[in-house]
Amino acid sequence: MAGRHGLARLAGLAVAGLLLATAIGAAEEWGGIEPGVTALEEVRARYGAPSRETRAKVDKYDTVHWVYEGDRSPAGFHRMTVDYGLVTPQGYKPTVVRVLRLEPKPKVFGRNTVLQGWGEPDGASRQGDQESLFYKIGLIVTFNKEGSDAVLLTFTPPQPDPPAPAAPRR
């Protein structure tokens, strides 16, 4: 019995290592999905059909919401959610990923893994008993109430720096 538990732990560490290696390579993308760049058909080719698909109108734009759950979610995650439809300076792109949300299983993305993979955050906030770290490269990590494990990774297009304050008038 102890052998099976050891094997399960080893498999879990292998999954965490693969996920971390992906995170270090390109912080603003995960698993071949980069918000603002990746198209719907690329996600379908990589992950197959979603468990659920919802279509809606948001501010007169057609949007698509895909959820991958259970055996359709990537290894190490409870759920992967992909939202499509992005307004860009070049116009509306209905099939481009706007937001990618990943809900990892416990112990997959611990605080140390997040900090080793993405470095020090650009900001942090607390809502209720949960802390979130913010990265301008397009990542928000929300931790459990103990602050030890990520419960949500939200990938977005990179966030611009705030505008510089106006020079004082003389």
N, C-alpha and C. Protein backbone atom coordinates (compact mmCIF):
# COMPACT_ATOMS: atom_id res chain seq x y z
N MET A 1 0.82 -1.19 0.00
CA MET A 1 0.00 0.00 0.00
C MET A 1 0.87 1.26 0.00
N ALA A 2 1.96 1.25 0.79
CA ALA A 2 2.83 2.42 0.85
C ALA A 2 3.43 2.69 -0.51
N GLY A 3 3.69 1.64 -1.30
CA GLY A 3 4.24 1.83 -2.64
C GLY A 3 3.31 2.61 -3.54
N ARG A 4 2.02 2.33 -3.46
CA ARG A 4 1.05 3.06 -4.29
C ARG A 4 0.99 4.52 -3.89
N HIS A 5 1.05 4.81 -2.58
CA HIS A 5 1.02 6.20 -2.12
C HIS A 5 2.26 6.95 -2.59
N GLY A 6 3.41 6.28 -2.52
CA GLY A 6 4.66 6.89 -2.98
C GLY A 6 4.60 7.18 -4.47
N LEU A 7 4.05 6.25 -5.24
CA LEU A 7 3.91 6.43 -6.67
C LEU A 7 2.97 7.60 -6.98
N ALA A 8 1.88 7.70 -6.23
CA ALA A 8 0.93 8.80 -6.43
C ALA A 8 1.60 10.14 -6.13
N ARG A 9 2.41 10.19 -5.06
CA ARG A 9 3.13 11.43 -4.73
C ARG A 9 4.10 11.78 -5.83
N LEU A 10 4.83 10.79 -6.35
CA LEU A 10 5.79 11.02 -7.41
C LEU A 10 5.08 11.55 -8.66
N ALA A 11 3.94 10.97 -8.99
CA ALA A 11 3.17 11.44 -10.14
C ALA A 11 2.71 12.87 -9.93
N GLY A 12 2.27 13.19 -8.71
CA GLY A 12 1.85 14.56 -8.41
C GLY A 12 2.98 15.55 -8.55
N LEU A 13 4.17 15.17 -8.09
CA LEU A 13 5.33 16.05 -8.23
C LEU A 13 5.71 16.22 -9.69
N ALA A 14 5.59 15.17 -10.48
CA ALA A 14 5.91 15.27 -11.90
C ALA A 14 4.96 16.25 -12.59
N VAL A 15 3.67 16.18 -12.26
CA VAL A 15 2.69 17.11 -12.82
C VAL A 15 3.04 18.53 -12.40
N ALA A 16 3.35 18.73 -11.11
CA ALA A 16 3.69 20.07 -10.63
C ALA A 16 4.94 20.59 -11.33
N GLY A 17 5.92 19.72 -11.56
CA GLY A 17 7.14 20.14 -12.25
C GLY A 17 6.86 20.55 -13.68
N LEU A 18 6.02 19.80 -14.37
CA LEU A 18 5.66 20.16 -15.74
C LEU A 18 4.93 21.49 -15.77
N LEU A 19 4.02 21.69 -14.82
CA LEU A 19 3.28 22.95 -14.78
C LEU A 19 4.21 24.11 -14.47
N LEU A 20 5.15 23.93 -13.56
CA LEU A 20 6.09 24.98 -13.23
C LEU A 20 6.99 25.28 -14.42
N ALA A 21 7.45 24.26 -15.12
CA ALA A 21 8.30 24.49 -16.29
C ALA A 21 7.57 25.31 -17.32
N THR A 22 6.29 25.04 -17.52
CA THR A 22 5.49 25.83 -18.44
C THR A 22 5.38 27.27 -17.95
N ALA A 23 5.16 27.45 -16.67
CA ALA A 23 4.99 28.79 -16.11
C ALA A 23 6.25 29.62 -16.26
N ILE A 24 7.42 29.02 -16.05
CA ILE A 24 8.67 29.77 -16.13
C ILE A 24 8.93 30.20 -17.57
N GLY A 25 8.58 29.37 -18.55
CA GLY A 25 8.86 29.67 -19.95
C GLY A 25 8.18 30.92 -20.45
N ALA A 26 6.94 31.10 -20.16
CA ALA A 26 6.20 32.27 -20.63
C ALA A 26 5.12 32.57 -19.60
N ALA A 27 5.37 33.56 -18.79
CA ALA A 27 4.51 33.82 -17.64
C ALA A 27 3.09 34.18 -18.03
N GLU A 28 2.91 34.85 -19.16
CA GLU A 28 1.57 35.30 -19.49
C GLU A 28 0.76 34.25 -20.24
N GLU A 29 1.34 33.08 -20.52
CA GLU A 29 0.57 32.02 -21.16
C GLU A 29 0.66 30.76 -20.33
N TRP A 30 -0.27 29.86 -20.55
CA TRP A 30 -0.23 28.57 -19.88
C TRP A 30 -0.76 27.52 -20.83
N GLY A 31 -0.06 26.41 -20.95
CA GLY A 31 -0.53 25.27 -21.72
C GLY A 31 -0.84 25.59 -23.17
N GLY A 32 -0.11 26.52 -23.75
CA GLY A 32 -0.34 26.88 -25.15
C GLY A 32 -1.47 27.88 -25.34
N ILE A 33 -2.00 28.43 -24.26
CA ILE A 33 -3.08 29.43 -24.36
C ILE A 33 -2.54 30.75 -23.86
N GLU A 34 -2.51 31.74 -24.74
CA GLU A 34 -2.05 33.08 -24.38
C GLU A 34 -3.17 34.08 -24.65
N PRO A 35 -3.77 34.64 -23.59
CA PRO A 35 -4.83 35.62 -23.79
C PRO A 35 -4.37 36.78 -24.67
N GLY A 36 -5.25 37.16 -25.58
CA GLY A 36 -4.94 38.23 -26.52
C GLY A 36 -4.26 37.73 -27.78
N VAL A 37 -3.90 36.44 -27.83
CA VAL A 37 -3.18 35.88 -28.98
C VAL A 37 -3.85 34.61 -29.50
N THR A 38 -4.10 33.65 -28.61
CA THR A 38 -4.59 32.33 -29.00
C THR A 38 -6.06 32.39 -29.44
N ALA A 39 -6.37 31.65 -30.51
CA ALA A 39 -7.73 31.61 -31.05
C ALA A 39 -8.46 30.34 -30.60
N LEU A 40 -9.77 30.40 -30.66
CA LEU A 40 -10.67 29.32 -30.27
C LEU A 40 -10.29 27.98 -30.91
N GLU A 41 -10.02 27.97 -32.19
CA GLU A 41 -9.69 26.71 -32.87
C GLU A 41 -8.38 26.12 -32.38
N GLU A 42 -7.44 26.96 -31.96
CA GLU A 42 -6.18 26.46 -31.40
C GLU A 42 -6.44 25.75 -30.07
N VAL A 43 -7.33 26.31 -29.25
CA VAL A 43 -7.66 25.69 -27.97
C VAL A 43 -8.38 24.37 -28.23
N ARG A 44 -9.32 24.35 -29.17
CA ARG A 44 -10.04 23.12 -29.50
C ARG A 44 -9.07 22.05 -30.00
N ALA A 45 -8.10 22.42 -30.83
CA ALA A 45 -7.12 21.46 -31.35
C ALA A 45 -6.27 20.88 -30.23
N ARG A 46 -5.94 21.68 -29.23
CA ARG A 46 -5.06 21.24 -28.14
C ARG A 46 -5.83 20.46 -27.07
N TYR A 47 -7.05 20.92 -26.70
CA TYR A 47 -7.77 20.35 -25.56
C TYR A 47 -9.07 19.64 -25.93
N GLY A 48 -9.48 19.69 -27.18
CA GLY A 48 -10.72 19.05 -27.59
C GLY A 48 -11.92 19.92 -27.25
N ALA A 49 -13.09 19.32 -27.40
CA ALA A 49 -14.33 20.05 -27.12
C ALA A 49 -14.47 20.28 -25.62
N PRO A 50 -15.05 21.41 -25.23
CA PRO A 50 -15.24 21.68 -23.79
C PRO A 50 -16.35 20.82 -23.20
N SER A 51 -16.39 20.76 -21.88
CA SER A 51 -17.48 20.08 -21.17
C SER A 51 -18.77 20.86 -21.35
N ARG A 52 -18.65 22.19 -21.34
CA ARG A 52 -19.81 23.09 -21.50
C ARG A 52 -19.40 24.29 -22.34
N GLU A 53 -20.34 24.78 -23.12
CA GLU A 53 -20.14 26.00 -23.90
C GLU A 53 -21.34 26.91 -23.69
N THR A 54 -21.07 28.19 -23.42
CA THR A 54 -22.13 29.18 -23.26
C THR A 54 -21.83 30.34 -24.19
N ARG A 55 -22.87 30.81 -24.85
CA ARG A 55 -22.73 32.00 -25.72
C ARG A 55 -23.58 33.11 -25.12
N ALA A 56 -23.06 34.34 -25.20
CA ALA A 56 -23.79 35.49 -24.65
C ALA A 56 -23.41 36.75 -25.39
N LYS A 57 -24.23 37.76 -25.22
CA LYS A 57 -23.92 39.11 -25.73
C LYS A 57 -23.45 39.94 -24.54
N VAL A 58 -22.30 40.58 -24.69
CA VAL A 58 -21.77 41.46 -23.66
C VAL A 58 -21.47 42.79 -24.33
N ASP A 59 -22.17 43.83 -23.90
CA ASP A 59 -21.99 45.16 -24.51
C ASP A 59 -22.03 45.09 -26.02
N LYS A 60 -23.05 44.45 -26.57
CA LYS A 60 -23.33 44.28 -28.00
C LYS A 60 -22.39 43.33 -28.72
N TYR A 61 -21.43 42.72 -28.01
CA TYR A 61 -20.50 41.80 -28.62
C TYR A 61 -20.90 40.36 -28.32
N ASP A 62 -20.72 39.46 -29.30
CA ASP A 62 -20.94 38.03 -29.11
C ASP A 62 -19.72 37.44 -28.41
N THR A 63 -19.94 36.73 -27.31
CA THR A 63 -18.85 36.10 -26.57
C THR A 63 -19.12 34.60 -26.43
N VAL A 64 -18.05 33.86 -26.17
CA VAL A 64 -18.14 32.42 -25.97
C VAL A 64 -17.39 32.09 -24.68
N HIS A 65 -17.96 31.17 -23.90
CA HIS A 65 -17.40 30.77 -22.60
C HIS A 65 -17.30 29.25 -22.62
N TRP A 66 -16.07 28.70 -22.50
CA TRP A 66 -15.86 27.26 -22.49
C TRP A 66 -15.40 26.83 -21.11
N VAL A 67 -15.93 25.70 -20.64
CA VAL A 67 -15.51 25.11 -19.36
C VAL A 67 -15.07 23.68 -19.62
N TYR A 68 -13.88 23.35 -19.12
CA TYR A 68 -13.36 21.98 -19.16
C TYR A 68 -13.34 21.49 -17.71
N GLU A 69 -14.08 20.41 -17.44
CA GLU A 69 -14.17 19.86 -16.08
C GLU A 69 -13.94 18.35 -16.11
N GLY A 70 -13.70 17.81 -14.92
CA GLY A 70 -13.54 16.35 -14.80
C GLY A 70 -12.42 15.85 -15.67
N ASP A 71 -12.69 14.77 -16.44
CA ASP A 71 -11.64 14.18 -17.27
C ASP A 71 -11.26 15.05 -18.45
N ARG A 72 -12.00 16.11 -18.71
CA ARG A 72 -11.65 17.03 -19.81
C ARG A 72 -10.73 18.18 -19.34
N SER A 73 -10.61 18.37 -18.03
CA SER A 73 -9.72 19.43 -17.55
C SER A 73 -8.28 18.92 -17.60
N PRO A 74 -7.32 19.84 -17.76
CA PRO A 74 -5.91 19.41 -17.79
C PRO A 74 -5.51 18.74 -16.47
N ALA A 75 -4.51 17.87 -16.53
CA ALA A 75 -4.01 17.18 -15.34
C ALA A 75 -3.61 18.19 -14.27
N GLY A 76 -3.99 17.93 -13.04
CA GLY A 76 -3.64 18.81 -11.93
C GLY A 76 -4.65 19.90 -11.65
N PHE A 77 -5.75 19.94 -12.42
CA PHE A 77 -6.74 21.00 -12.26
C PHE A 77 -8.15 20.43 -12.11
N HIS A 78 -8.95 21.12 -11.28
CA HIS A 78 -10.37 20.79 -11.17
C HIS A 78 -11.11 21.28 -12.41
N ARG A 79 -10.73 22.48 -12.86
CA ARG A 79 -11.49 23.14 -13.92
C ARG A 79 -10.59 24.11 -14.67
N MET A 80 -10.84 24.21 -15.99
CA MET A 80 -10.22 25.24 -16.83
C MET A 80 -11.36 25.95 -17.55
N THR A 81 -11.36 27.28 -17.47
CA THR A 81 -12.40 28.09 -18.12
C THR A 81 -11.72 29.05 -19.09
N VAL A 82 -12.25 29.12 -20.31
CA VAL A 82 -11.69 29.99 -21.34
C VAL A 82 -12.80 30.90 -21.86
N ASP A 83 -12.57 32.22 -21.79
CA ASP A 83 -13.52 33.20 -22.32
C ASP A 83 -12.95 33.79 -23.59
N TYR A 84 -13.80 33.87 -24.62
CA TYR A 84 -13.40 34.40 -25.93
C TYR A 84 -14.14 35.69 -26.22
N GLY A 85 -13.48 36.56 -27.00
CA GLY A 85 -14.06 37.82 -27.43
C GLY A 85 -13.29 38.96 -26.80
N LEU A 86 -12.47 39.64 -27.62
CA LEU A 86 -11.58 40.67 -27.10
C LEU A 86 -11.65 41.91 -27.97
N VAL A 87 -11.87 43.05 -27.32
CA VAL A 87 -11.84 44.33 -28.03
C VAL A 87 -10.39 44.79 -28.06
N THR A 88 -9.89 45.05 -29.27
CA THR A 88 -8.50 45.50 -29.45
C THR A 88 -8.52 46.83 -30.20
N PRO A 89 -7.40 47.53 -30.26
CA PRO A 89 -7.34 48.76 -31.05
C PRO A 89 -7.68 48.51 -32.52
N GLN A 90 -7.48 47.27 -32.99
CA GLN A 90 -7.80 46.93 -34.38
C GLN A 90 -9.25 46.48 -34.56
N GLY A 91 -10.03 46.46 -33.49
CA GLY A 91 -11.42 46.05 -33.56
C GLY A 91 -11.70 44.84 -32.69
N TYR A 92 -12.94 44.35 -32.77
CA TYR A 92 -13.36 43.21 -31.95
C TYR A 92 -12.91 41.91 -32.58
N LYS A 93 -12.35 41.02 -31.76
CA LYS A 93 -11.89 39.70 -32.21
C LYS A 93 -12.69 38.65 -31.44
N PRO A 94 -13.78 38.13 -32.04
CA PRO A 94 -14.69 37.24 -31.31
C PRO A 94 -14.12 35.88 -30.94
N THR A 95 -13.08 35.40 -31.63
CA THR A 95 -12.55 34.07 -31.35
C THR A 95 -11.20 34.09 -30.63
N VAL A 96 -10.75 35.25 -30.16
CA VAL A 96 -9.48 35.34 -29.46
C VAL A 96 -9.73 35.21 -27.95
N VAL A 97 -8.85 34.47 -27.27
CA VAL A 97 -8.97 34.27 -25.82
C VAL A 97 -8.85 35.63 -25.11
N ARG A 98 -9.83 35.92 -24.28
CA ARG A 98 -9.81 37.13 -23.45
C ARG A 98 -9.27 36.81 -22.06
N VAL A 99 -9.76 35.72 -21.46
CA VAL A 99 -9.35 35.33 -20.10
C VAL A 99 -9.26 33.81 -20.03
N LEU A 100 -8.22 33.33 -19.33
CA LEU A 100 -8.06 31.91 -19.03
C LEU A 100 -8.02 31.78 -17.52
N ARG A 101 -8.91 30.92 -16.98
CA ARG A 101 -8.94 30.68 -15.53
C ARG A 101 -8.65 29.21 -15.26
N LEU A 102 -7.72 28.97 -14.34
CA LEU A 102 -7.36 27.61 -13.96
C LEU A 102 -7.60 27.44 -12.47
N GLU A 103 -8.28 26.35 -12.09
CA GLU A 103 -8.54 26.04 -10.69
C GLU A 103 -7.74 24.79 -10.34
N PRO A 104 -6.52 25.00 -9.78
CA PRO A 104 -5.66 23.85 -9.50
C PRO A 104 -6.13 23.02 -8.31
N LYS A 105 -5.74 21.77 -8.35
CA LYS A 105 -5.99 20.89 -7.21
C LYS A 105 -5.03 21.30 -6.09
N PRO A 106 -5.34 20.96 -4.83
CA PRO A 106 -4.46 21.33 -3.71
C PRO A 106 -3.03 20.82 -3.93
N LYS A 107 -2.09 21.62 -3.49
CA LYS A 107 -0.65 21.30 -3.51
C LYS A 107 -0.02 21.36 -4.91
N VAL A 108 -0.76 21.73 -5.95
CA VAL A 108 -0.17 21.83 -7.28
C VAL A 108 0.55 23.16 -7.45
N PHE A 109 -0.07 24.26 -7.04
CA PHE A 109 0.53 25.58 -7.12
C PHE A 109 0.59 26.18 -5.71
N GLY A 110 1.58 25.78 -4.95
CA GLY A 110 1.80 26.36 -3.63
C GLY A 110 2.38 27.76 -3.76
N ARG A 111 2.36 28.51 -2.67
CA ARG A 111 2.89 29.88 -2.68
C ARG A 111 4.33 29.92 -3.19
N ASN A 112 5.18 29.02 -2.71
CA ASN A 112 6.58 29.01 -3.15
C ASN A 112 6.70 28.73 -4.64
N THR A 113 5.88 27.83 -5.16
CA THR A 113 5.91 27.52 -6.59
C THR A 113 5.55 28.77 -7.39
N VAL A 114 4.53 29.50 -6.96
CA VAL A 114 4.12 30.72 -7.65
C VAL A 114 5.25 31.75 -7.64
N LEU A 115 5.84 31.97 -6.48
CA LEU A 115 6.90 32.98 -6.36
C LEU A 115 8.16 32.55 -7.12
N GLN A 116 8.48 31.27 -7.14
CA GLN A 116 9.63 30.80 -7.91
C GLN A 116 9.36 30.91 -9.41
N GLY A 117 8.13 30.65 -9.82
CA GLY A 117 7.79 30.66 -11.24
C GLY A 117 7.61 32.05 -11.82
N TRP A 118 6.98 32.95 -11.06
CA TRP A 118 6.67 34.28 -11.59
C TRP A 118 7.39 35.41 -10.87
N GLY A 119 8.08 35.12 -9.79
CA GLY A 119 8.82 36.16 -9.07
C GLY A 119 7.93 36.97 -8.16
N GLU A 120 8.49 38.07 -7.71
CA GLU A 120 7.73 38.96 -6.82
C GLU A 120 6.60 39.62 -7.59
N PRO A 121 5.43 39.71 -7.00
CA PRO A 121 4.28 40.30 -7.71
C PRO A 121 4.41 41.82 -7.82
N ASP A 122 3.64 42.38 -8.73
CA ASP A 122 3.58 43.83 -8.89
C ASP A 122 2.62 44.44 -7.89
N GLY A 123 1.79 43.64 -7.26
CA GLY A 123 0.86 44.12 -6.26
C GLY A 123 0.18 42.95 -5.56
N ALA A 124 -0.50 43.26 -4.47
CA ALA A 124 -1.22 42.25 -3.71
C ALA A 124 -2.46 42.90 -3.12
N SER A 125 -3.49 42.10 -2.91
CA SER A 125 -4.70 42.61 -2.27
C SER A 125 -5.33 41.48 -1.48
N ARG A 126 -6.26 41.85 -0.63
CA ARG A 126 -6.97 40.87 0.19
C ARG A 126 -8.46 41.18 0.10
N GLN A 127 -9.23 40.13 -0.17
CA GLN A 127 -10.69 40.22 -0.13
C GLN A 127 -11.16 39.16 0.83
N GLY A 128 -11.74 39.60 1.92
CA GLY A 128 -12.16 38.65 2.95
C GLY A 128 -10.96 37.92 3.48
N ASP A 129 -10.99 36.58 3.42
CA ASP A 129 -9.88 35.80 3.95
C ASP A 129 -8.96 35.25 2.85
N GLN A 130 -9.05 35.83 1.64
CA GLN A 130 -8.20 35.36 0.55
C GLN A 130 -7.29 36.48 0.05
N GLU A 131 -6.02 36.12 -0.16
CA GLU A 131 -5.05 37.05 -0.72
C GLU A 131 -4.87 36.77 -2.20
N SER A 132 -4.67 37.83 -2.99
CA SER A 132 -4.39 37.70 -4.41
C SER A 132 -3.11 38.45 -4.73
N LEU A 133 -2.30 37.86 -5.60
CA LEU A 133 -1.10 38.50 -6.11
C LEU A 133 -1.35 38.92 -7.55
N PHE A 134 -0.88 40.10 -7.93
CA PHE A 134 -1.12 40.67 -9.24
C PHE A 134 0.21 40.84 -9.98
N TYR A 135 0.25 40.37 -11.23
CA TYR A 135 1.42 40.52 -12.09
C TYR A 135 0.99 41.27 -13.35
N LYS A 136 1.70 42.34 -13.70
CA LYS A 136 1.36 43.14 -14.88
C LYS A 136 1.47 42.35 -16.17
N ILE A 137 2.20 41.26 -16.16
CA ILE A 137 2.32 40.44 -17.36
C ILE A 137 1.00 39.77 -17.73
N GLY A 138 0.00 39.88 -16.83
CA GLY A 138 -1.31 39.34 -17.12
C GLY A 138 -1.68 38.13 -16.28
N LEU A 139 -1.36 38.18 -14.99
CA LEU A 139 -1.68 37.05 -14.11
C LEU A 139 -2.14 37.55 -12.75
N ILE A 140 -3.22 36.95 -12.26
CA ILE A 140 -3.69 37.17 -10.89
C ILE A 140 -3.79 35.79 -10.25
N VAL A 141 -3.14 35.62 -9.10
CA VAL A 141 -3.15 34.34 -8.38
C VAL A 141 -3.90 34.55 -7.07
N THR A 142 -4.96 33.79 -6.85
CA THR A 142 -5.74 33.86 -5.61
C THR A 142 -5.44 32.62 -4.78
N PHE A 143 -5.14 32.84 -3.49
CA PHE A 143 -4.75 31.75 -2.59
C PHE A 143 -5.91 31.35 -1.68
N ASN A 144 -5.80 30.14 -1.13
CA ASN A 144 -6.78 29.68 -0.15
C ASN A 144 -6.67 30.54 1.11
N LYS A 145 -7.58 30.35 2.06
CA LYS A 145 -7.60 31.23 3.24
C LYS A 145 -6.35 31.07 4.10
N GLU A 146 -5.67 29.93 4.01
CA GLU A 146 -4.42 29.75 4.74
C GLU A 146 -3.26 30.45 4.04
N GLY A 147 -3.44 30.80 2.77
CA GLY A 147 -2.39 31.46 2.00
C GLY A 147 -1.33 30.52 1.48
N SER A 148 -1.56 29.22 1.57
CA SER A 148 -0.54 28.24 1.19
C SER A 148 -0.65 27.74 -0.25
N ASP A 149 -1.88 27.63 -0.77
CA ASP A 149 -2.09 27.06 -2.10
C ASP A 149 -2.94 27.97 -2.97
N ALA A 150 -2.57 28.08 -4.25
CA ALA A 150 -3.39 28.82 -5.20
C ALA A 150 -4.68 28.06 -5.45
N VAL A 151 -5.80 28.78 -5.45
CA VAL A 151 -7.09 28.17 -5.77
C VAL A 151 -7.59 28.67 -7.13
N LEU A 152 -6.99 29.75 -7.64
CA LEU A 152 -7.38 30.29 -8.94
C LEU A 152 -6.21 31.03 -9.56
N LEU A 153 -5.92 30.70 -10.81
CA LEU A 153 -4.94 31.43 -11.61
C LEU A 153 -5.72 32.06 -12.76
N THR A 154 -5.68 33.37 -12.86
CA THR A 154 -6.41 34.08 -13.91
C THR A 154 -5.40 34.75 -14.84
N PHE A 155 -5.38 34.31 -16.09
CA PHE A 155 -4.47 34.86 -17.09
C PHE A 155 -5.25 35.82 -17.99
N THR A 156 -4.70 36.99 -18.22
CA THR A 156 -5.30 38.01 -19.08
C THR A 156 -4.21 38.56 -20.00
N PRO A 157 -4.56 39.37 -20.99
CA PRO A 157 -3.49 40.06 -21.73
C PRO A 157 -2.69 40.91 -20.74
N PRO A 158 -1.43 41.21 -21.07
CA PRO A 158 -0.61 42.04 -20.18
C PRO A 158 -1.33 43.34 -19.84
N GLN A 159 -1.12 43.80 -18.62
CA GLN A 159 -1.75 45.03 -18.14
C GLN A 159 -0.79 46.20 -18.30
N PRO A 160 -1.27 47.30 -18.86
CA PRO A 160 -0.38 48.45 -19.06
C PRO A 160 -0.03 49.12 -17.74
N ASP A 161 1.11 49.82 -17.75
CA ASP A 161 1.48 50.63 -16.59
C ASP A 161 0.47 51.76 -16.48
N PRO A 162 0.18 52.20 -15.26
CA PRO A 162 -0.73 53.34 -15.12
C PRO A 162 -0.08 54.58 -15.75
N PRO A 163 -0.90 55.50 -16.25
CA PRO A 163 -0.33 56.70 -16.86
C PRO A 163 0.45 57.50 -15.82
N ALA A 164 1.50 58.14 -16.31
CA ALA A 164 2.32 58.99 -15.42
C ALA A 164 1.49 60.20 -14.98
N PRO A 165 1.70 60.67 -13.77
CA PRO A 165 0.95 61.85 -13.34
C PRO A 165 1.32 63.06 -14.19
N ALA A 166 0.35 63.91 -14.39
CA ALA A 166 0.58 65.12 -15.21
C ALA A 166 1.54 66.04 -14.46
N ALA A 167 2.36 66.73 -15.24
CA ALA A 167 3.30 67.69 -14.64
C ALA A 167 2.50 68.85 -14.06
N PRO A 168 2.97 69.37 -12.92
CA PRO A 168 2.23 70.51 -12.32
C PRO A 168 2.31 71.73 -13.22
N ARG A 169 1.22 72.47 -13.24
CA ARG A 169 1.16 73.71 -14.07
C ARG A 169 1.83 74.83 -13.32
N ARG A 170 2.45 75.73 -14.06
CA ARG A 170 3.09 76.88 -13.44
C ARG A 170 2.32 78.11 -13.71
